[in-house]
C-alpha atoms as a PDB file:
ATOM      1  CA  MET A   1     -82.741 -58.043  42.231  1.00  0.00           C
ATOM      2  CA  PRO A   2     -79.528 -57.543  40.238  1.00  0.00           C
ATOM      3  CA  LEU A   3     -78.392 -54.241  38.843  1.00  0.00           C
ATOM      4  CA  LEU A   4     -78.734 -54.695  35.056  1.00  0.00           C
ATOM      5  CA  PHE A   5     -76.387 -53.017  32.611  1.00  0.00           C
ATOM      6  CA  TRP A   6     -77.749 -53.138  29.043  1.00  0.00           C
ATOM      7  CA  VAL A   7     -75.534 -52.585  25.991  1.00  0.00           C
ATOM      8  CA  CYS A   8     -77.515 -51.271  23.022  1.00  0.00           C
ATOM      9  CA  ARG A   9     -77.124 -49.383  19.778  1.00  0.00           C
ATOM     10  CA  ASP A  10     -78.659 -45.957  19.241  1.00  0.00           C
ATOM     11  CA  GLU A  11     -79.477 -46.024  15.520  1.00  0.00           C
ATOM     12  CA  GLU A  12     -80.391 -42.321  15.347  1.00  0.00           C
ATOM     13  CA  GLU A  13     -77.105 -41.087  16.785  1.00  0.00           C
ATOM     14  CA  ASP A  14     -74.886 -43.904  15.415  1.00  0.00           C
ATOM     15  CA  ARG A  15     -73.470 -44.714  18.838  1.00  0.00           C
ATOM     16  CA  TRP A  16     -73.539 -47.438  21.493  1.00  0.00           C
ATOM     17  CA  LEU A  17     -75.014 -46.926  24.933  1.00  0.00           C
ATOM     18  CA  VAL A  18     -74.831 -48.551  28.334  1.00  0.00           C
ATOM     19  CA  ILE A  19     -78.239 -48.267  30.004  1.00  0.00           C
ATOM     20  CA  VAL A  20     -78.844 -48.775  33.742  1.00  0.00           C
ATOM     21  CA  GLU A  21     -82.333 -48.616  35.243  1.00  0.00           C
ATOM     22  CA  GLY A  22     -83.649 -47.029  32.041  1.00  0.00           C
ATOM     23  CA  GLN A  23     -81.082 -44.206  32.031  1.00  0.00           C
ATOM     24  CA  PRO A  24     -77.985 -43.769  29.825  1.00  0.00           C
ATOM     25  CA  TYR A  25     -74.851 -44.539  31.819  1.00  0.00           C
ATOM     26  CA  GLY A  26     -72.323 -44.080  29.016  1.00  0.00           C
ATOM     27  CA  GLU A  27     -72.032 -43.318  25.275  1.00  0.00           C
ATOM     28  CA  TYR A  28     -69.494 -45.002  22.978  1.00  0.00           C
ATOM     29  CA  LEU A  29     -68.376 -45.028  19.363  1.00  0.00           C
ATOM     30  CA  SER A  30     -67.956 -48.805  19.272  1.00  0.00           C
ATOM     31  CA  GLU A  31     -69.776 -51.847  20.573  1.00  0.00           C
ATOM     32  CA  GLU A  32     -66.563 -53.291  21.987  1.00  0.00           C
ATOM     33  CA  LEU A  33     -65.867 -50.240  24.170  1.00  0.00           C
ATOM     34  CA  SER A  34     -69.430 -50.173  25.477  1.00  0.00           C
ATOM     35  CA  ILE A  35     -69.216 -53.853  26.461  1.00  0.00           C
ATOM     36  CA  LEU A  36     -65.849 -53.432  28.170  1.00  0.00           C
ATOM     37  CA  ASP A  37     -67.054 -50.453  30.196  1.00  0.00           C
ATOM     38  CA  ALA A  38     -70.335 -52.154  31.107  1.00  0.00           C
ATOM     39  CA  ILE A  39     -68.366 -55.121  32.444  1.00  0.00           C
ATOM     40  CA  ASP A  40     -66.121 -52.754  34.426  1.00  0.00           C
ATOM     41  CA  PHE A  41     -69.192 -50.966  35.839  1.00  0.00           C
ATOM     42  CA  ALA A  42     -70.774 -54.287  36.830  1.00  0.00           C
ATOM     43  CA  ALA A  43     -67.535 -55.515  38.431  1.00  0.00           C
ATOM     44  CA  ASP A  44     -67.336 -52.290  40.469  1.00  0.00           C
ATOM     45  CA  ALA A  45     -70.955 -52.763  41.568  1.00  0.00           C
ATOM     46  CA  ARG A  46     -70.163 -56.315  42.660  1.00  0.00           C
ATOM     47  CA  ILE A  47     -67.140 -55.143  44.618  1.00  0.00           C
ATOM     48  CA  GLY A  48     -69.489 -52.704  46.349  1.00  0.00           C
ATOM     49  CA  GLY A  49     -71.687 -55.592  47.446  1.00  0.00           C
ATOM     50  CA  ASN A  50     -74.376 -55.433  44.743  1.00  0.00           C
ATOM     51  CA  THR A  51     -75.460 -58.141  42.349  1.00  0.00           C
ATOM     52  CA  ALA A  52     -74.847 -56.953  38.773  1.00  0.00           C
ATOM     53  CA  GLU A  53     -75.179 -58.375  35.265  1.00  0.00           C
ATOM     54  CA  VAL A  54     -74.378 -57.143  31.756  1.00  0.00           C
ATOM     55  CA  TRP A  55     -76.750 -57.946  28.891  1.00  0.00           C
ATOM     56  CA  HIS A  56     -76.709 -57.192  25.146  1.00  0.00           C
ATOM     57  CA  ARG A  57     -80.119 -55.792  24.266  1.00  0.00           C
ATOM     58  CA  GLU A  58     -80.171 -56.864  20.589  1.00  0.00           C
ATOM     59  CA  THR A  59     -79.040 -60.460  21.092  1.00  0.00           C
ATOM     60  CA  ARG A  60     -80.480 -60.891  24.612  1.00  0.00           C
ATOM     61  CA  ALA A  61     -77.180 -62.538  25.546  1.00  0.00           C
ATOM     62  CA  ARG A  62     -75.787 -62.255  29.049  1.00  0.00           C
ATOM     63  CA  LEU A  63     -72.235 -60.968  28.766  1.00  0.00           C
ATOM     64  CA  TYR A  64     -71.247 -60.885  32.462  1.00  0.00           C
END
């Protein structure tokens, strides 16, 4: 099963989050930065031999 990185907006705190296995992995001020870091995290996981994907929670689009 792939390691899933979810990019989502936290409406209460006005920030963007990267979520992995139900836990916050990073907090960001912009959507763009959260996506870029999630892709970097997933690429690092793949280099380490894991299967990894990045998804946008609101649009349900696979980003990587």
